[in-house]
Amino acid sequence: MSVQNPGNVNWDAICRKAKEGPYPLEAYHFVQEGLGHTANMVFGENDSLQEMDRHVTGQELCIGLKDYAVDQWGMMAPVVLNCWGINRSDDFGVIVFDMIEAGLMSCRPDDVIEDFNGVFDFREVFSHQELASHIGECNAS
């Protein structure tokens, strides 16, 4: 997945999805911001790469979103995601493909929603021990 050209952005469609569906608008904003975070994790902050050259897989995006959530909210990350109805990596896939449909993100022909299924177990990656470990690594840097 990669960020789509801002000229093609259709936030109105996402606002309608957020009103109709299980995920609030904040969850879509989080995923969009998390995509940038993930691309920087994978490729570094190399501005010379074109957006399509900064494509990340569904699995990479799930891991990046998990890390971004912990960076943003620390021990509260699973609580915030849960409040938004995000309890599985599959939920990230639904949000991403809603955004692709709205023109906010782009994908390659081989990207499928199933790429997000079962990437990790939320209880494991957001366990107290894992969160404390991740936060400790961030503070040591």
N, C-alpha and C. Protein backbone atom coordinates (compact mmCIF):
# COMPACT_ATOMS: atom_id res chain seq x y z
N MET A 1 0.84 -1.16 0.00
CA MET A 1 0.00 0.00 0.00
C MET A 1 0.89 1.23 0.00
N SER A 2 0.42 2.28 -0.59
CA SER A 2 1.14 3.54 -0.56
C SER A 2 0.13 4.68 -0.56
N VAL A 3 0.62 5.85 -0.16
CA VAL A 3 -0.23 7.02 -0.10
C VAL A 3 -0.58 7.45 -1.51
N GLN A 4 -1.82 7.78 -1.72
CA GLN A 4 -2.29 8.22 -3.03
C GLN A 4 -2.04 9.71 -3.18
N ASN A 5 -1.98 10.17 -4.39
CA ASN A 5 -1.83 11.58 -4.70
C ASN A 5 -2.94 12.36 -4.01
N PRO A 6 -2.60 13.40 -3.23
CA PRO A 6 -3.63 14.16 -2.50
C PRO A 6 -4.73 14.72 -3.40
N GLY A 7 -4.46 14.91 -4.69
CA GLY A 7 -5.49 15.40 -5.59
C GLY A 7 -6.63 14.42 -5.78
N ASN A 8 -6.40 13.16 -5.48
CA ASN A 8 -7.41 12.12 -5.65
C ASN A 8 -8.13 11.78 -4.35
N VAL A 9 -7.90 12.56 -3.33
CA VAL A 9 -8.43 12.25 -2.00
C VAL A 9 -9.93 12.46 -1.96
N ASN A 10 -10.64 11.51 -1.36
CA ASN A 10 -12.08 11.60 -1.22
C ASN A 10 -12.46 11.30 0.23
N TRP A 11 -12.21 12.27 1.12
CA TRP A 11 -12.53 12.08 2.52
C TRP A 11 -14.02 12.00 2.76
N ASP A 12 -14.83 12.54 1.85
CA ASP A 12 -16.28 12.45 2.01
C ASP A 12 -16.73 10.99 2.05
N ALA A 13 -16.14 10.18 1.17
CA ALA A 13 -16.49 8.75 1.13
C ALA A 13 -16.11 8.08 2.45
N ILE A 14 -14.96 8.45 2.99
CA ILE A 14 -14.52 7.87 4.26
C ILE A 14 -15.41 8.35 5.40
N CYS A 15 -15.81 9.60 5.37
CA CYS A 15 -16.73 10.11 6.41
C CYS A 15 -18.03 9.32 6.40
N ARG A 16 -18.54 9.00 5.20
CA ARG A 16 -19.77 8.20 5.11
C ARG A 16 -19.52 6.80 5.66
N LYS A 17 -18.37 6.20 5.32
CA LYS A 17 -18.03 4.86 5.83
C LYS A 17 -17.96 4.89 7.35
N ALA A 18 -17.33 5.93 7.89
CA ALA A 18 -17.17 6.03 9.33
C ALA A 18 -18.53 6.14 10.03
N LYS A 19 -19.47 6.84 9.41
CA LYS A 19 -20.81 6.97 10.00
C LYS A 19 -21.58 5.66 9.91
N GLU A 20 -21.38 4.92 8.80
CA GLU A 20 -22.11 3.67 8.57
C GLU A 20 -21.48 2.48 9.27
N GLY A 21 -20.15 2.46 9.31
CA GLY A 21 -19.45 1.25 9.70
C GLY A 21 -18.94 1.25 11.12
N PRO A 22 -18.17 0.24 11.41
CA PRO A 22 -17.71 0.04 12.79
C PRO A 22 -16.53 0.92 13.20
N TYR A 23 -15.87 1.59 12.25
CA TYR A 23 -14.67 2.34 12.58
C TYR A 23 -14.91 3.84 12.48
N PRO A 24 -14.51 4.60 13.50
CA PRO A 24 -14.68 6.05 13.45
C PRO A 24 -13.64 6.70 12.53
N LEU A 25 -13.88 7.93 12.18
CA LEU A 25 -12.98 8.67 11.30
C LEU A 25 -11.56 8.71 11.84
N GLU A 26 -11.41 8.78 13.15
CA GLU A 26 -10.07 8.81 13.76
C GLU A 26 -9.26 7.58 13.40
N ALA A 27 -9.92 6.43 13.26
CA ALA A 27 -9.21 5.21 12.90
C ALA A 27 -8.63 5.32 11.49
N TYR A 28 -9.37 5.94 10.58
CA TYR A 28 -8.88 6.13 9.21
C TYR A 28 -7.70 7.09 9.19
N HIS A 29 -7.79 8.17 9.97
CA HIS A 29 -6.67 9.11 10.06
C HIS A 29 -5.44 8.42 10.63
N PHE A 30 -5.65 7.60 11.66
CA PHE A 30 -4.54 6.86 12.27
C PHE A 30 -3.86 5.96 11.24
N VAL A 31 -4.64 5.24 10.45
CA VAL A 31 -4.06 4.33 9.46
C VAL A 31 -3.30 5.12 8.39
N GLN A 32 -3.84 6.25 7.97
CA GLN A 32 -3.14 7.07 6.97
C GLN A 32 -1.80 7.57 7.53
N GLU A 33 -1.81 8.08 8.75
CA GLU A 33 -0.57 8.55 9.38
C GLU A 33 0.38 7.38 9.61
N GLY A 34 -0.18 6.26 10.01
CA GLY A 34 0.63 5.07 10.27
C GLY A 34 1.28 4.51 9.01
N LEU A 35 0.65 4.72 7.87
CA LEU A 35 1.25 4.29 6.60
C LEU A 35 2.54 5.07 6.36
N GLY A 36 2.51 6.37 6.58
CA GLY A 36 3.73 7.17 6.44
C GLY A 36 4.81 6.72 7.40
N HIS A 37 4.42 6.45 8.64
CA HIS A 37 5.34 5.96 9.66
C HIS A 37 5.96 4.63 9.22
N THR A 38 5.13 3.73 8.70
CA THR A 38 5.60 2.43 8.27
C THR A 38 6.55 2.54 7.09
N ALA A 39 6.21 3.37 6.11
CA ALA A 39 7.09 3.56 4.95
C ALA A 39 8.44 4.10 5.40
N ASN A 40 8.44 5.01 6.36
CA ASN A 40 9.72 5.53 6.88
C ASN A 40 10.49 4.44 7.61
N MET A 41 9.79 3.55 8.31
CA MET A 41 10.46 2.42 8.99
C MET A 41 11.13 1.51 7.96
N VAL A 42 10.41 1.22 6.88
CA VAL A 42 10.88 0.26 5.89
C VAL A 42 11.95 0.87 4.99
N PHE A 43 11.75 2.11 4.55
CA PHE A 43 12.62 2.72 3.55
C PHE A 43 13.50 3.84 4.07
N GLY A 44 13.31 4.23 5.32
CA GLY A 44 14.00 5.41 5.82
C GLY A 44 13.26 6.64 5.33
N GLU A 45 13.73 7.78 5.69
CA GLU A 45 13.04 9.01 5.31
C GLU A 45 13.64 9.56 4.03
N ASN A 46 13.74 8.72 3.01
CA ASN A 46 14.34 9.08 1.73
C ASN A 46 13.30 9.78 0.86
N ASP A 47 13.41 11.09 0.75
CA ASP A 47 12.45 11.87 -0.03
C ASP A 47 12.59 11.68 -1.53
N SER A 48 13.71 11.11 -1.98
CA SER A 48 13.92 10.96 -3.42
C SER A 48 13.11 9.81 -4.01
N LEU A 49 12.59 8.92 -3.15
CA LEU A 49 11.76 7.82 -3.64
C LEU A 49 10.36 8.34 -3.98
N GLN A 50 9.83 7.90 -5.11
CA GLN A 50 8.45 8.20 -5.46
C GLN A 50 7.53 7.41 -4.53
N GLU A 51 6.28 7.87 -4.37
CA GLU A 51 5.34 7.19 -3.46
C GLU A 51 5.18 5.72 -3.80
N MET A 52 5.03 5.37 -5.08
CA MET A 52 4.85 3.97 -5.45
C MET A 52 6.11 3.15 -5.18
N ASP A 53 7.27 3.81 -5.11
CA ASP A 53 8.51 3.12 -4.76
C ASP A 53 8.56 2.84 -3.26
N ARG A 54 7.67 3.46 -2.50
CA ARG A 54 7.61 3.28 -1.05
C ARG A 54 6.44 2.37 -0.67
N HIS A 55 6.13 1.43 -1.52
CA HIS A 55 5.04 0.49 -1.28
C HIS A 55 5.40 -0.44 -0.13
N VAL A 56 4.44 -0.66 0.77
CA VAL A 56 4.62 -1.62 1.85
C VAL A 56 3.54 -2.70 1.71
N THR A 57 3.86 -3.87 2.19
CA THR A 57 2.89 -4.97 2.14
C THR A 57 1.89 -4.83 3.28
N GLY A 58 0.84 -5.61 3.21
CA GLY A 58 -0.15 -5.63 4.29
C GLY A 58 0.46 -6.03 5.61
N GLN A 59 1.35 -7.03 5.58
CA GLN A 59 2.00 -7.48 6.81
C GLN A 59 2.90 -6.39 7.38
N GLU A 60 3.68 -5.73 6.51
CA GLU A 60 4.54 -4.64 6.98
C GLU A 60 3.70 -3.51 7.58
N LEU A 61 2.58 -3.22 6.94
CA LEU A 61 1.72 -2.14 7.44
C LEU A 61 1.14 -2.49 8.80
N CYS A 62 0.70 -3.73 8.98
CA CYS A 62 0.17 -4.14 10.29
C CYS A 62 1.21 -3.95 11.38
N ILE A 63 2.42 -4.38 11.13
CA ILE A 63 3.49 -4.25 12.12
C ILE A 63 3.81 -2.78 12.36
N GLY A 64 3.85 -1.99 11.30
CA GLY A 64 4.10 -0.57 11.44
C GLY A 64 2.99 0.14 12.21
N LEU A 65 1.74 -0.25 11.97
CA LEU A 65 0.62 0.35 12.69
C LEU A 65 0.66 -0.01 14.17
N LYS A 66 1.05 -1.23 14.47
CA LYS A 66 1.19 -1.63 15.87
C LYS A 66 2.26 -0.77 16.54
N ASP A 67 3.41 -0.63 15.90
CA ASP A 67 4.49 0.19 16.46
C ASP A 67 4.07 1.65 16.58
N TYR A 68 3.37 2.16 15.57
CA TYR A 68 2.92 3.55 15.59
C TYR A 68 1.94 3.79 16.74
N ALA A 69 1.05 2.83 16.95
CA ALA A 69 0.09 2.95 18.06
C ALA A 69 0.81 3.02 19.40
N VAL A 70 1.80 2.16 19.59
CA VAL A 70 2.55 2.16 20.85
C VAL A 70 3.35 3.45 20.98
N ASP A 71 3.93 3.92 19.88
CA ASP A 71 4.66 5.20 19.92
C ASP A 71 3.73 6.35 20.30
N GLN A 72 2.51 6.32 19.80
CA GLN A 72 1.55 7.40 20.06
C GLN A 72 0.95 7.35 21.45
N TRP A 73 0.59 6.15 21.91
CA TRP A 73 -0.21 6.03 23.13
C TRP A 73 0.39 5.15 24.22
N GLY A 74 1.54 4.58 23.98
CA GLY A 74 2.19 3.75 24.99
C GLY A 74 1.30 2.61 25.45
N MET A 75 1.20 2.46 26.76
CA MET A 75 0.43 1.36 27.34
C MET A 75 -1.06 1.45 27.01
N MET A 76 -1.52 2.61 26.60
CA MET A 76 -2.93 2.80 26.26
C MET A 76 -3.25 2.40 24.81
N ALA A 77 -2.26 2.02 24.02
CA ALA A 77 -2.48 1.68 22.61
C ALA A 77 -3.60 0.67 22.40
N PRO A 78 -3.61 -0.45 23.10
CA PRO A 78 -4.70 -1.41 22.85
C PRO A 78 -6.07 -0.87 23.25
N VAL A 79 -6.10 0.00 24.24
CA VAL A 79 -7.37 0.58 24.69
C VAL A 79 -7.92 1.50 23.60
N VAL A 80 -7.06 2.36 23.05
CA VAL A 80 -7.50 3.28 22.00
C VAL A 80 -7.98 2.50 20.79
N LEU A 81 -7.20 1.53 20.34
CA LEU A 81 -7.59 0.74 19.17
C LEU A 81 -8.90 0.01 19.43
N ASN A 82 -9.04 -0.56 20.62
CA ASN A 82 -10.27 -1.26 20.96
C ASN A 82 -11.47 -0.32 20.94
N CYS A 83 -11.30 0.90 21.43
CA CYS A 83 -12.40 1.88 21.41
C CYS A 83 -12.83 2.19 19.98
N TRP A 84 -11.91 2.05 19.04
CA TRP A 84 -12.22 2.29 17.62
C TRP A 84 -12.72 1.02 16.92
N GLY A 85 -12.84 -0.09 17.65
CA GLY A 85 -13.30 -1.33 17.05
C GLY A 85 -12.21 -2.10 16.34
N ILE A 86 -10.96 -1.74 16.60
CA ILE A 86 -9.82 -2.44 15.98
C ILE A 86 -9.28 -3.42 17.01
N ASN A 87 -9.54 -4.71 16.74
CA ASN A 87 -9.15 -5.77 17.67
C ASN A 87 -8.32 -6.86 17.02
N ARG A 88 -8.16 -6.77 15.72
CA ARG A 88 -7.42 -7.79 14.95
C ARG A 88 -6.70 -7.09 13.81
N SER A 89 -5.67 -7.72 13.30
CA SER A 89 -4.98 -7.15 12.13
C SER A 89 -5.92 -7.09 10.94
N ASP A 90 -6.91 -7.98 10.90
CA ASP A 90 -7.91 -7.98 9.83
C ASP A 90 -8.64 -6.64 9.76
N ASP A 91 -8.86 -6.00 10.92
CA ASP A 91 -9.54 -4.71 10.95
C ASP A 91 -8.72 -3.65 10.20
N PHE A 92 -7.40 -3.71 10.34
CA PHE A 92 -6.56 -2.79 9.57
C PHE A 92 -6.80 -2.98 8.07
N GLY A 93 -6.95 -4.23 7.64
CA GLY A 93 -7.19 -4.51 6.23
C GLY A 93 -8.48 -3.90 5.73
N VAL A 94 -9.54 -3.99 6.52
CA VAL A 94 -10.82 -3.40 6.12
C VAL A 94 -10.68 -1.89 5.95
N ILE A 95 -10.02 -1.26 6.90
CA ILE A 95 -9.83 0.19 6.84
C ILE A 95 -8.99 0.56 5.62
N VAL A 96 -7.90 -0.16 5.40
CA VAL A 96 -7.02 0.13 4.25
C VAL A 96 -7.78 -0.01 2.94
N PHE A 97 -8.55 -1.07 2.78
CA PHE A 97 -9.25 -1.26 1.52
C PHE A 97 -10.41 -0.28 1.35
N ASP A 98 -10.99 0.20 2.45
CA ASP A 98 -11.95 1.31 2.35
C ASP A 98 -11.24 2.55 1.81
N MET A 99 -10.03 2.79 2.29
CA MET A 99 -9.27 3.96 1.86
C MET A 99 -8.79 3.83 0.41
N ILE A 100 -8.46 2.62 0.00
CA ILE A 100 -8.09 2.39 -1.39
C ILE A 100 -9.29 2.68 -2.29
N GLU A 101 -10.44 2.17 -1.89
CA GLU A 101 -11.68 2.39 -2.65
C GLU A 101 -12.00 3.88 -2.76
N ALA A 102 -11.68 4.66 -1.72
CA ALA A 102 -11.96 6.10 -1.71
C ALA A 102 -10.86 6.90 -2.41
N GLY A 103 -9.78 6.25 -2.83
CA GLY A 103 -8.70 6.96 -3.51
C GLY A 103 -7.68 7.58 -2.59
N LEU A 104 -7.71 7.23 -1.29
CA LEU A 104 -6.76 7.78 -0.34
C LEU A 104 -5.45 7.01 -0.29
N MET A 105 -5.49 5.77 -0.72
CA MET A 105 -4.31 4.92 -0.79
C MET A 105 -4.35 4.19 -2.13
N SER A 106 -3.20 3.70 -2.51
CA SER A 106 -3.15 2.90 -3.72
C SER A 106 -2.59 1.53 -3.37
N CYS A 107 -2.84 0.59 -4.25
CA CYS A 107 -2.33 -0.76 -4.02
C CYS A 107 -1.85 -1.33 -5.34
N ARG A 108 -1.12 -2.39 -5.24
CA ARG A 108 -0.65 -3.12 -6.41
C ARG A 108 -1.64 -4.25 -6.69
N PRO A 109 -1.62 -4.76 -7.91
CA PRO A 109 -2.58 -5.83 -8.25
C PRO A 109 -2.51 -7.05 -7.34
N ASP A 110 -1.33 -7.32 -6.78
CA ASP A 110 -1.21 -8.51 -5.93
C ASP A 110 -1.54 -8.23 -4.46
N ASP A 111 -1.89 -6.98 -4.12
CA ASP A 111 -2.32 -6.67 -2.75
C ASP A 111 -3.78 -7.09 -2.58
N VAL A 112 -4.03 -7.88 -1.54
CA VAL A 112 -5.38 -8.33 -1.27
C VAL A 112 -5.67 -8.15 0.22
N ILE A 113 -6.94 -8.03 0.54
CA ILE A 113 -7.33 -7.81 1.94
C ILE A 113 -6.87 -8.96 2.83
N GLU A 114 -6.76 -10.14 2.28
CA GLU A 114 -6.33 -11.30 3.06
C GLU A 114 -4.89 -11.16 3.56
N ASP A 115 -4.11 -10.24 2.98
CA ASP A 115 -2.74 -10.00 3.45
C ASP A 115 -2.72 -9.53 4.91
N PHE A 116 -3.85 -9.04 5.40
CA PHE A 116 -3.94 -8.51 6.75
C PHE A 116 -4.45 -9.54 7.76
N ASN A 117 -4.94 -10.66 7.26
CA ASN A 117 -5.57 -11.65 8.14
C ASN A 117 -4.54 -12.36 9.02
N GLY A 118 -4.76 -12.30 10.32
CA GLY A 118 -3.96 -13.06 11.26
C GLY A 118 -2.48 -12.72 11.29
N VAL A 119 -2.13 -11.48 10.99
CA VAL A 119 -0.71 -11.11 10.98
C VAL A 119 -0.12 -11.27 12.38
N PHE A 120 -0.88 -10.91 13.39
CA PHE A 120 -0.46 -11.12 14.77
C PHE A 120 -1.69 -11.19 15.66
N ASP A 121 -1.48 -11.69 16.85
CA ASP A 121 -2.54 -11.77 17.85
C ASP A 121 -2.46 -10.51 18.71
N PHE A 122 -3.52 -9.73 18.74
CA PHE A 122 -3.52 -8.47 19.48
C PHE A 122 -3.18 -8.67 20.95
N ARG A 123 -3.69 -9.75 21.55
CA ARG A 123 -3.41 -9.98 22.98
C ARG A 123 -1.92 -10.17 23.22
N GLU A 124 -1.24 -10.81 22.26
CA GLU A 124 0.20 -11.04 22.42
C GLU A 124 1.01 -9.77 22.19
N VAL A 125 0.77 -9.09 21.06
CA VAL A 125 1.60 -7.92 20.72
C VAL A 125 1.31 -6.72 21.61
N PHE A 126 0.13 -6.70 22.22
CA PHE A 126 -0.20 -5.62 23.14
C PHE A 126 -0.25 -6.09 24.59
N SER A 127 0.45 -7.18 24.87
CA SER A 127 0.53 -7.64 26.26
C SER A 127 1.35 -6.64 27.06
N HIS A 128 1.15 -6.64 28.35
CA HIS A 128 1.88 -5.71 29.23
C HIS A 128 3.39 -5.86 29.01
N GLN A 129 3.86 -7.10 28.93
CA GLN A 129 5.30 -7.35 28.77
C GLN A 129 5.81 -6.80 27.43
N GLU A 130 5.09 -7.03 26.34
CA GLU A 130 5.51 -6.53 25.03
C GLU A 130 5.50 -5.00 24.99
N LEU A 131 4.45 -4.40 25.55
CA LEU A 131 4.36 -2.94 25.56
C LEU A 131 5.49 -2.34 26.38
N ALA A 132 5.75 -2.90 27.55
CA ALA A 132 6.83 -2.39 28.40
C ALA A 132 8.17 -2.52 27.70
N SER A 133 8.36 -3.62 27.00
CA SER A 133 9.61 -3.84 26.26
C SER A 133 9.77 -2.81 25.15
N HIS A 134 8.70 -2.58 24.38
CA HIS A 134 8.75 -1.61 23.28
C HIS A 134 8.98 -0.20 23.81
N ILE A 135 8.29 0.15 24.86
CA ILE A 135 8.44 1.49 25.43
C ILE A 135 9.84 1.66 26.00
N GLY A 136 10.38 0.62 26.61
CA GLY A 136 11.75 0.67 27.13
C GLY A 136 12.77 0.89 26.02
N GLU A 137 12.56 0.24 24.85
CA GLU A 137 13.46 0.42 23.71
C GLU A 137 13.40 1.86 23.22
N CYS A 138 12.20 2.44 23.18
CA CYS A 138 12.05 3.82 22.71
C CYS A 138 12.74 4.80 23.65
N ASN A 139 12.62 4.56 24.95
CA ASN A 139 13.22 5.46 25.93
C ASN A 139 14.74 5.34 25.96
N ALA A 140 15.27 4.18 25.57
CA ALA A 140 16.72 3.97 25.56
C ALA A 140 17.39 4.67 24.38
N SER A 141 16.61 4.97 23.35
CA SER A 141 17.17 5.60 22.15
C SER A 141 17.51 7.03 22.36
